[in-house]
Amino acid sequence: MKKIKHEAQLFKLALEIGEGYAMKRGYKTFPQGLSNRDKIECIYRLLINDKLITPLPEDKEDGPNMKHRLIIWITRQLPENHELLQD
C-alpha cells in the first residue's frame, strides 16, 4: 500500500462524508460508541453496493485495506486544489 500524505485527515473526512452519504441513502445515524472498524466496513460495503468503488479481492478484505480504499475514494471526490491533496 502506498503511503498517502495527510492520511489521517483524509480518513476522518472519508468517515464524515461516508456517514453523510449513508444517511442520505436512508441509513439512520451510526450508534454512539460504534467502532471505526465497523464504520469503515459499513461505509465500504455501501459504496461497493452503489458501485462507487471497486471491491477488494476477498483475501485482501481487511480493516487496513478497506480504510485505504476509503481514503482513495475521498481523494477522488475532492477538488484538485483541496488543501489535503497538496504536497
PDB file of N, CA and C in Angstrom:
ATOM      1  N   MET A   1       0.831  -1.169   0.000  1.00  0.00           N
ATOM      2  CA  MET A   1       0.000   0.000   0.000  1.00  0.00           C
ATOM      3  C   MET A   1       0.888   1.250   0.000  1.00  0.00           C
ATOM      4  N   LYS A   2       0.561   2.156  -0.872  1.00  0.00           N
ATOM      5  CA  LYS A   2       1.312   3.398  -0.980  1.00  0.00           C
ATOM      6  C   LYS A   2       0.872   4.361   0.126  1.00  0.00           C
ATOM      7  N   LYS A   3       1.842   4.980   0.790  1.00  0.00           N
ATOM      8  CA  LYS A   3       1.555   5.951   1.843  1.00  0.00           C
ATOM      9  C   LYS A   3       1.028   7.233   1.208  1.00  0.00           C
ATOM     10  N   ILE A   4      -0.029   7.770   1.766  1.00  0.00           N
ATOM     11  CA  ILE A   4      -0.673   8.973   1.247  1.00  0.00           C
ATOM     12  C   ILE A   4      -0.455  10.104   2.241  1.00  0.00           C
ATOM     13  N   LYS A   5      -0.094  11.285   1.721  1.00  0.00           N
ATOM     14  CA  LYS A   5       0.074  12.444   2.598  1.00  0.00           C
ATOM     15  C   LYS A   5      -1.271  12.827   3.201  1.00  0.00           C
ATOM     16  N   HIS A   6      -1.243  13.271   4.432  1.00  0.00           N
ATOM     17  CA  HIS A   6      -2.441  13.699   5.163  1.00  0.00           C
ATOM     18  C   HIS A   6      -3.443  12.555   5.317  1.00  0.00           C
ATOM     19  N   GLU A   7      -2.935  11.340   5.464  1.00  0.00           N
ATOM     20  CA  GLU A   7      -3.797  10.158   5.521  1.00  0.00           C
ATOM     21  C   GLU A   7      -4.808  10.229   6.666  1.00  0.00           C
ATOM     22  N   ALA A   8      -4.388  10.639   7.835  1.00  0.00           N
ATOM     23  CA  ALA A   8      -5.292  10.691   8.991  1.00  0.00           C
ATOM     24  C   ALA A   8      -6.445  11.672   8.752  1.00  0.00           C
ATOM     25  N   GLN A   9      -6.117  12.842   8.212  1.00  0.00           N
ATOM     26  CA  GLN A   9      -7.152  13.838   7.955  1.00  0.00           C
ATOM     27  C   GLN A   9      -8.095  13.372   6.842  1.00  0.00           C
ATOM     28  N   LEU A  10      -7.535  12.741   5.814  1.00  0.00           N
ATOM     29  CA  LEU A  10      -8.366  12.230   4.718  1.00  0.00           C
ATOM     30  C   LEU A  10      -9.280  11.117   5.216  1.00  0.00           C
ATOM     31  N   PHE A  11      -8.766  10.278   6.110  1.00  0.00           N
ATOM     32  CA  PHE A  11      -9.582   9.203   6.667  1.00  0.00           C
ATOM     33  C   PHE A  11     -10.744   9.773   7.472  1.00  0.00           C
ATOM     34  N   LYS A  12     -10.457  10.768   8.299  1.00  0.00           N
ATOM     35  CA  LYS A  12     -11.510  11.404   9.094  1.00  0.00           C
ATOM     36  C   LYS A  12     -12.575  12.009   8.184  1.00  0.00           C
ATOM     37  N   LEU A  13     -12.139  12.669   7.123  1.00  0.00           N
ATOM     38  CA  LEU A  13     -13.064  13.271   6.165  1.00  0.00           C
ATOM     39  C   LEU A  13     -13.876  12.184   5.436  1.00  0.00           C
ATOM     40  N   ALA A  14     -13.238  11.085   5.087  1.00  0.00           N
ATOM     41  CA  ALA A  14     -13.932   9.977   4.419  1.00  0.00           C
ATOM     42  C   ALA A  14     -15.037   9.410   5.311  1.00  0.00           C
ATOM     43  N   LEU A  15     -14.750   9.280   6.610  1.00  0.00           N
ATOM     44  CA  LEU A  15     -15.782   8.791   7.528  1.00  0.00           C
ATOM     45  C   LEU A  15     -16.941   9.780   7.630  1.00  0.00           C
ATOM     46  N   GLU A  16     -16.630  11.062   7.733  1.00  0.00           N
ATOM     47  CA  GLU A  16     -17.686  12.074   7.837  1.00  0.00           C
ATOM     48  C   GLU A  16     -18.567  12.085   6.589  1.00  0.00           C
ATOM     49  N   ILE A  17     -17.942  12.123   5.432  1.00  0.00           N
ATOM     50  CA  ILE A  17     -18.702  12.168   4.179  1.00  0.00           C
ATOM     51  C   ILE A  17     -19.407  10.835   3.944  1.00  0.00           C
ATOM     52  N   GLY A  18     -18.749   9.740   4.289  1.00  0.00           N
ATOM     53  CA  GLY A  18     -19.370   8.425   4.152  1.00  0.00           C
ATOM     54  C   GLY A  18     -20.602   8.284   5.024  1.00  0.00           C
ATOM     55  N   GLU A  19     -20.529   8.785   6.256  1.00  0.00           N
ATOM     56  CA  GLU A  19     -21.693   8.743   7.144  1.00  0.00           C
ATOM     57  C   GLU A  19     -22.828   9.598   6.583  1.00  0.00           C
ATOM     58  N   GLY A  20     -22.475  10.771   6.062  1.00  0.00           N
ATOM     59  CA  GLY A  20     -23.489  11.631   5.451  1.00  0.00           C
ATOM     60  C   GLY A  20     -24.144  10.966   4.254  1.00  0.00           C
ATOM     61  N   TYR A  21     -23.336  10.303   3.451  1.00  0.00           N
ATOM     62  CA  TYR A  21     -23.856   9.591   2.286  1.00  0.00           C
ATOM     63  C   TYR A  21     -24.799   8.472   2.731  1.00  0.00           C
ATOM     64  N   ALA A  22     -24.392   7.740   3.756  1.00  0.00           N
ATOM     65  CA  ALA A  22     -25.235   6.641   4.254  1.00  0.00           C
ATOM     66  C   ALA A  22     -26.580   7.178   4.746  1.00  0.00           C
ATOM     67  N   MET A  23     -26.555   8.313   5.431  1.00  0.00           N
ATOM     68  CA  MET A  23     -27.804   8.890   5.929  1.00  0.00           C
ATOM     69  C   MET A  23     -28.706   9.328   4.773  1.00  0.00           C
ATOM     70  N   LYS A  24     -28.123   9.888   3.720  1.00  0.00           N
ATOM     71  CA  LYS A  24     -28.913  10.282   2.551  1.00  0.00           C
ATOM     72  C   LYS A  24     -29.515   9.067   1.850  1.00  0.00           C
ATOM     73  N   ARG A  25     -28.860   7.922   2.008  1.00  0.00           N
ATOM     74  CA  ARG A  25     -29.353   6.690   1.387  1.00  0.00           C
ATOM     75  C   ARG A  25     -30.387   5.986   2.261  1.00  0.00           C
ATOM     76  N   GLY A  26     -30.716   6.584   3.425  1.00  0.00           N
ATOM     77  CA  GLY A  26     -31.767   6.030   4.260  1.00  0.00           C
ATOM     78  C   GLY A  26     -31.290   5.348   5.528  1.00  0.00           C
ATOM     79  N   TYR A  27     -29.994   5.292   5.747  1.00  0.00           N
ATOM     80  CA  TYR A  27     -29.489   4.716   6.991  1.00  0.00           C
ATOM     81  C   TYR A  27     -29.724   5.711   8.117  1.00  0.00           C
ATOM     82  N   LYS A  28     -29.945   5.181   9.299  1.00  0.00           N
ATOM     83  CA  LYS A  28     -30.015   6.053  10.465  1.00  0.00           C
ATOM     84  C   LYS A  28     -28.583   6.355  10.882  1.00  0.00           C
ATOM     85  N   THR A  29     -28.409   7.276  11.785  1.00  0.00           N
ATOM     86  CA  THR A  29     -27.061   7.612  12.231  1.00  0.00           C
ATOM     87  C   THR A  29     -26.411   6.392  12.866  1.00  0.00           C
ATOM     88  N   PHE A  30     -25.096   6.368  12.821  1.00  0.00           N
ATOM     89  CA  PHE A  30     -24.374   5.276  13.451  1.00  0.00           C
ATOM     90  C   PHE A  30     -24.528   5.399  14.958  1.00  0.00           C
ATOM     91  N   PRO A  31     -24.717   4.291  15.655  1.00  0.00           N
ATOM     92  CA  PRO A  31     -24.880   4.351  17.113  1.00  0.00           C
ATOM     93  C   PRO A  31     -23.646   4.938  17.796  1.00  0.00           C
ATOM     94  N   GLN A  32     -23.879   5.645  18.878  1.00  0.00           N
ATOM     95  CA  GLN A  32     -22.782   6.201  19.666  1.00  0.00           C
ATOM     96  C   GLN A  32     -21.920   5.043  20.164  1.00  0.00           C
ATOM     97  N   GLY A  33     -20.631   5.169  20.038  1.00  0.00           N
ATOM     98  CA  GLY A  33     -19.727   4.131  20.523  1.00  0.00           C
ATOM     99  C   GLY A  33     -19.407   3.060  19.497  1.00  0.00           C
ATOM    100  N   LEU A  34     -19.965   3.158  18.299  1.00  0.00           N
ATOM    101  CA  LEU A  34     -19.641   2.189  17.249  1.00  0.00           C
ATOM    102  C   LEU A  34     -18.185   2.376  16.854  1.00  0.00           C
ATOM    103  N   SER A  35     -17.461   1.287  16.760  1.00  0.00           N
ATOM    104  CA  SER A  35     -16.027   1.383  16.470  1.00  0.00           C
ATOM    105  C   SER A  35     -15.784   1.861  15.044  1.00  0.00           C
ATOM    106  N   ASN A  36     -14.618   2.487  14.845  1.00  0.00           N
ATOM    107  CA  ASN A  36     -14.243   2.923  13.497  1.00  0.00           C
ATOM    108  C   ASN A  36     -14.168   1.734  12.557  1.00  0.00           C
ATOM    109  N   ARG A  37     -13.743   0.600  13.058  1.00  0.00           N
ATOM    110  CA  ARG A  37     -13.646  -0.613  12.229  1.00  0.00           C
ATOM    111  C   ARG A  37     -15.009  -0.969  11.629  1.00  0.00           C
ATOM    112  N   ASP A  38     -16.044  -0.904  12.461  1.00  0.00           N
ATOM    113  CA  ASP A  38     -17.389  -1.218  11.980  1.00  0.00           C
ATOM    114  C   ASP A  38     -17.910  -0.149  11.016  1.00  0.00           C
ATOM    115  N   LYS A  39     -17.596   1.129  11.302  1.00  0.00           N
ATOM    116  CA  LYS A  39     -17.996   2.208  10.398  1.00  0.00           C
ATOM    117  C   LYS A  39     -17.321   2.040   9.042  1.00  0.00           C
ATOM    118  N   ILE A  40     -16.028   1.720   9.077  1.00  0.00           N
ATOM    119  CA  ILE A  40     -15.274   1.524   7.839  1.00  0.00           C
ATOM    120  C   ILE A  40     -15.935   0.442   6.998  1.00  0.00           C
ATOM    121  N   GLU A  41     -16.230  -0.695   7.623  1.00  0.00           N
ATOM    122  CA  GLU A  41     -16.813  -1.804   6.873  1.00  0.00           C
ATOM    123  C   GLU A  41     -18.191  -1.461   6.326  1.00  0.00           C
ATOM    124  N   CYS A  42     -19.010  -0.784   7.121  1.00  0.00           N
ATOM    125  CA  CYS A  42     -20.352  -0.413   6.676  1.00  0.00           C
ATOM    126  C   CYS A  42     -20.291   0.538   5.479  1.00  0.00           C
ATOM    127  N   ILE A  43     -19.481   1.582   5.591  1.00  0.00           N
ATOM    128  CA  ILE A  43     -19.363   2.564   4.500  1.00  0.00           C
ATOM    129  C   ILE A  43     -18.750   1.910   3.269  1.00  0.00           C
ATOM    130  N   TYR A  44     -17.721   1.085   3.483  1.00  0.00           N
ATOM    131  CA  TYR A  44     -17.066   0.377   2.382  1.00  0.00           C
ATOM    132  C   TYR A  44     -18.082  -0.476   1.618  1.00  0.00           C
ATOM    133  N   ARG A  45     -18.879  -1.258   2.334  1.00  0.00           N
ATOM    134  CA  ARG A  45     -19.858  -2.145   1.677  1.00  0.00           C
ATOM    135  C   ARG A  45     -20.966  -1.349   0.984  1.00  0.00           C
ATOM    136  N   LEU A  46     -21.378  -0.231   1.567  1.00  0.00           N
ATOM    137  CA  LEU A  46     -22.385   0.620   0.925  1.00  0.00           C
ATOM    138  C   LEU A  46     -21.845   1.171  -0.393  1.00  0.00           C
ATOM    139  N   LEU A  47     -20.611   1.656  -0.378  1.00  0.00           N
ATOM    140  CA  LEU A  47     -20.015   2.216  -1.601  1.00  0.00           C
ATOM    141  C   LEU A  47     -19.838   1.145  -2.670  1.00  0.00           C
ATOM    142  N   ILE A  48     -19.526  -0.070  -2.264  1.00  0.00           N
ATOM    143  CA  ILE A  48     -19.424  -1.176  -3.229  1.00  0.00           C
ATOM    144  C   ILE A  48     -20.810  -1.481  -3.802  1.00  0.00           C
ATOM    145  N   ASN A  49     -21.791  -1.544  -2.920  1.00  0.00           N
ATOM    146  CA  ASN A  49     -23.157  -1.843  -3.354  1.00  0.00           C
ATOM    147  C   ASN A  49     -23.657  -0.817  -4.371  1.00  0.00           C
ATOM    148  N   ASP A  50     -23.290   0.451  -4.165  1.00  0.00           N
ATOM    149  CA  ASP A  50     -23.702   1.521  -5.074  1.00  0.00           C
ATOM    150  C   ASP A  50     -22.743   1.701  -6.249  1.00  0.00           C
ATOM    151  N   LYS A  51     -21.759   0.804  -6.336  1.00  0.00           N
ATOM    152  CA  LYS A  51     -20.777   0.799  -7.426  1.00  0.00           C
ATOM    153  C   LYS A  51     -19.984   2.110  -7.517  1.00  0.00           C
ATOM    154  N   LEU A  52     -19.656   2.669  -6.352  1.00  0.00           N
ATOM    155  CA  LEU A  52     -18.849   3.883  -6.306  1.00  0.00           C
ATOM    156  C   LEU A  52     -17.366   3.573  -6.104  1.00  0.00           C
ATOM    157  N   ILE A  53     -17.078   2.373  -5.614  1.00  0.00           N
ATOM    158  CA  ILE A  53     -15.696   1.915  -5.505  1.00  0.00           C
ATOM    159  C   ILE A  53     -15.624   0.467  -5.976  1.00  0.00           C
ATOM    160  N   THR A  54     -14.424   0.071  -6.353  1.00  0.00           N
ATOM    161  CA  THR A  54     -14.188  -1.303  -6.780  1.00  0.00           C
ATOM    162  C   THR A  54     -13.907  -2.156  -5.549  1.00  0.00           C
ATOM    163  N   PRO A  55     -14.536  -3.315  -5.426  1.00  0.00           N
ATOM    164  CA  PRO A  55     -14.289  -4.144  -4.241  1.00  0.00           C
ATOM    165  C   PRO A  55     -12.876  -4.723  -4.241  1.00  0.00           C
ATOM    166  N   LEU A  56     -12.382  -4.941  -3.051  1.00  0.00           N
ATOM    167  CA  LEU A  56     -11.099  -5.610  -2.880  1.00  0.00           C
ATOM    168  C   LEU A  56     -11.287  -7.106  -3.119  1.00  0.00           C
ATOM    169  N   PRO A  57     -10.232  -7.815  -3.515  1.00  0.00           N
ATOM    170  CA  PRO A  57     -10.334  -9.276  -3.563  1.00  0.00           C
ATOM    171  C   PRO A  57     -10.637  -9.789  -2.148  1.00  0.00           C
ATOM    172  N   GLU A  58     -11.358 -10.893  -2.051  1.00  0.00           N
ATOM    173  CA  GLU A  58     -11.781 -11.401  -0.749  1.00  0.00           C
ATOM    174  C   GLU A  58     -10.617 -11.635   0.211  1.00  0.00           C
ATOM    175  N   ASP A  59      -9.489 -12.098  -0.296  1.00  0.00           N
ATOM    176  CA  ASP A  59      -8.354 -12.374   0.583  1.00  0.00           C
ATOM    177  C   ASP A  59      -7.659 -11.103   1.068  1.00  0.00           C
ATOM    178  N   LYS A  60      -7.971  -9.962   0.489  1.00  0.00           N
ATOM    179  CA  LYS A  60      -7.378  -8.676   0.886  1.00  0.00           C
ATOM    180  C   LYS A  60      -8.373  -7.802   1.649  1.00  0.00           C
ATOM    181  N   GLU A  61      -9.564  -8.329   1.898  1.00  0.00           N
ATOM    182  CA  GLU A  61     -10.625  -7.561   2.528  1.00  0.00           C
ATOM    183  C   GLU A  61     -10.435  -7.555   4.046  1.00  0.00           C
ATOM    184  N   ASP A  62      -9.620  -6.607   4.519  1.00  0.00           N
ATOM    185  CA  ASP A  62      -9.411  -6.449   5.949  1.00  0.00           C
ATOM    186  C   ASP A  62      -9.461  -4.962   6.281  1.00  0.00           C
ATOM    187  N   GLY A  63      -9.386  -4.641   7.560  1.00  0.00           N
ATOM    188  CA  GLY A  63      -9.516  -3.266   8.010  1.00  0.00           C
ATOM    189  C   GLY A  63      -8.591  -2.268   7.336  1.00  0.00           C
ATOM    190  N   PRO A  64      -7.270  -2.517   7.348  1.00  0.00           N
ATOM    191  CA  PRO A  64      -6.367  -1.536   6.737  1.00  0.00           C
ATOM    192  C   PRO A  64      -6.609  -1.336   5.238  1.00  0.00           C
ATOM    193  N   ASN A  65      -6.915  -2.397   4.516  1.00  0.00           N
ATOM    194  CA  ASN A  65      -7.165  -2.260   3.077  1.00  0.00           C
ATOM    195  C   ASN A  65      -8.483  -1.543   2.800  1.00  0.00           C
ATOM    196  N   MET A  66      -9.512  -1.806   3.613  1.00  0.00           N
ATOM    197  CA  MET A  66     -10.780  -1.084   3.444  1.00  0.00           C
ATOM    198  C   MET A  66     -10.593   0.393   3.753  1.00  0.00           C
ATOM    199  N   LYS A  67      -9.840   0.679   4.806  1.00  0.00           N
ATOM    200  CA  LYS A  67      -9.550   2.064   5.182  1.00  0.00           C
ATOM    201  C   LYS A  67      -8.816   2.765   4.046  1.00  0.00           C
ATOM    202  N   HIS A  68      -7.843   2.096   3.479  1.00  0.00           N
ATOM    203  CA  HIS A  68      -7.081   2.668   2.365  1.00  0.00           C
ATOM    204  C   HIS A  68      -7.997   2.933   1.164  1.00  0.00           C
ATOM    205  N   ARG A  69      -8.901   2.004   0.896  1.00  0.00           N
ATOM    206  CA  ARG A  69      -9.830   2.171  -0.230  1.00  0.00           C
ATOM    207  C   ARG A  69     -10.734   3.383  -0.006  1.00  0.00           C
ATOM    208  N   LEU A  70     -11.160   3.609   1.244  1.00  0.00           N
ATOM    209  CA  LEU A  70     -11.985   4.787   1.547  1.00  0.00           C
ATOM    210  C   LEU A  70     -11.182   6.072   1.369  1.00  0.00           C
ATOM    211  N   ILE A  71      -9.918   6.042   1.740  1.00  0.00           N
ATOM    212  CA  ILE A  71      -9.070   7.223   1.570  1.00  0.00           C
ATOM    213  C   ILE A  71      -8.889   7.520   0.083  1.00  0.00           C
ATOM    214  N   ILE A  72      -8.677   6.497  -0.719  1.00  0.00           N
ATOM    215  CA  ILE A  72      -8.557   6.688  -2.172  1.00  0.00           C
ATOM    216  C   ILE A  72      -9.860   7.262  -2.721  1.00  0.00           C
ATOM    217  N   TRP A  73     -10.990   6.735  -2.258  1.00  0.00           N
ATOM    218  CA  TRP A  73     -12.299   7.218  -2.710  1.00  0.00           C
ATOM    219  C   TRP A  73     -12.460   8.708  -2.412  1.00  0.00           C
ATOM    220  N   ILE A  74     -12.121   9.126  -1.175  1.00  0.00           N
ATOM    221  CA  ILE A  74     -12.331  10.523  -0.821  1.00  0.00           C
ATOM    222  C   ILE A  74     -11.381  11.429  -1.583  1.00  0.00           C
ATOM    223  N   THR A  75     -10.169  10.986  -1.880  1.00  0.00           N
ATOM    224  CA  THR A  75      -9.245  11.837  -2.639  1.00  0.00           C
ATOM    225  C   THR A  75      -9.785  12.101  -4.042  1.00  0.00           C
ATOM    226  N   ARG A  76     -10.555  11.173  -4.567  1.00  0.00           N
ATOM    227  CA  ARG A  76     -11.140  11.364  -5.902  1.00  0.00           C
ATOM    228  C   ARG A  76     -12.389  12.227  -5.878  1.00  0.00           C
ATOM    229  N   GLN A  77     -12.959  12.423  -4.697  1.00  0.00           N
ATOM    230  CA  GLN A  77     -14.153  13.263  -4.571  1.00  0.00           C
ATOM    231  C   GLN A  77     -13.804  14.728  -4.346  1.00  0.00           C
ATOM    232  N   LEU A  78     -12.600  14.974  -3.871  1.00  0.00           N
ATOM    233  CA  LEU A  78     -12.192  16.340  -3.557  1.00  0.00           C
ATOM    234  C   LEU A  78     -11.692  17.067  -4.804  1.00  0.00           C
ATOM    235  N   PRO A  79     -11.854  18.384  -4.846  1.00  0.00           N
ATOM    236  CA  PRO A  79     -11.299  19.143  -5.980  1.00  0.00           C
ATOM    237  C   PRO A  79      -9.769  19.076  -5.952  1.00  0.00           C
ATOM    238  N   GLU A  80      -9.161  19.209  -7.120  1.00  0.00           N
ATOM    239  CA  GLU A  80      -7.704  19.083  -7.239  1.00  0.00           C
ATOM    240  C   GLU A  80      -6.946  20.059  -6.351  1.00  0.00           C
ATOM    241  N   ASN A  81      -7.513  21.227  -6.110  1.00  0.00           N
ATOM    242  CA  ASN A  81      -6.812  22.239  -5.327  1.00  0.00           C
ATOM    243  C   ASN A  81      -7.125  22.171  -3.833  1.00  0.00           C
ATOM    244  N   HIS A  82      -7.769  21.111  -3.370  1.00  0.00           N
ATOM    245  CA  HIS A  82      -8.102  20.969  -1.945  1.00  0.00           C
ATOM    246  C   HIS A  82      -6.813  20.896  -1.132  1.00  0.00           C
ATOM    247  N   GLU A  83      -6.826  21.536   0.032  1.00  0.00           N
ATOM    248  CA  GLU A  83      -5.614  21.630   0.864  1.00  0.00           C
ATOM    249  C   GLU A  83      -5.037  20.278   1.286  1.00  0.00           C
ATOM    250  N   LEU A  84      -5.877  19.259   1.460  1.00  0.00           N
ATOM    251  CA  LEU A  84      -5.368  17.947   1.865  1.00  0.00           C
ATOM    252  C   LEU A  84      -4.693  17.190   0.722  1.00  0.00           C
ATOM    253  N   LEU A  85      -4.879  17.645  -0.497  1.00  0.00           N
ATOM    254  CA  LEU A  85      -4.269  16.979  -1.638  1.00  0.00           C
ATOM    255  C   LEU A  85      -2.967  17.652  -2.062  1.00  0.00           C
ATOM    256  N   GLN A  86      -2.644  18.761  -1.405  1.00  0.00           N
ATOM    257  CA  GLN A  86      -1.418  19.479  -1.762  1.00  0.00           C
ATOM    258  C   GLN A  86      -0.214  18.833  -1.083  1.00  0.00           C
ATOM    259  N   ASP A  87       0.939  18.932  -1.733  1.00  0.00           N
ATOM    260  CA  ASP A  87       2.176  18.354  -1.161  1.00  0.00           C
ATOM    261  C   ASP A  87       2.724  19.157  -0.036  1.00  0.00           C
TER     262      ASP A  87
END
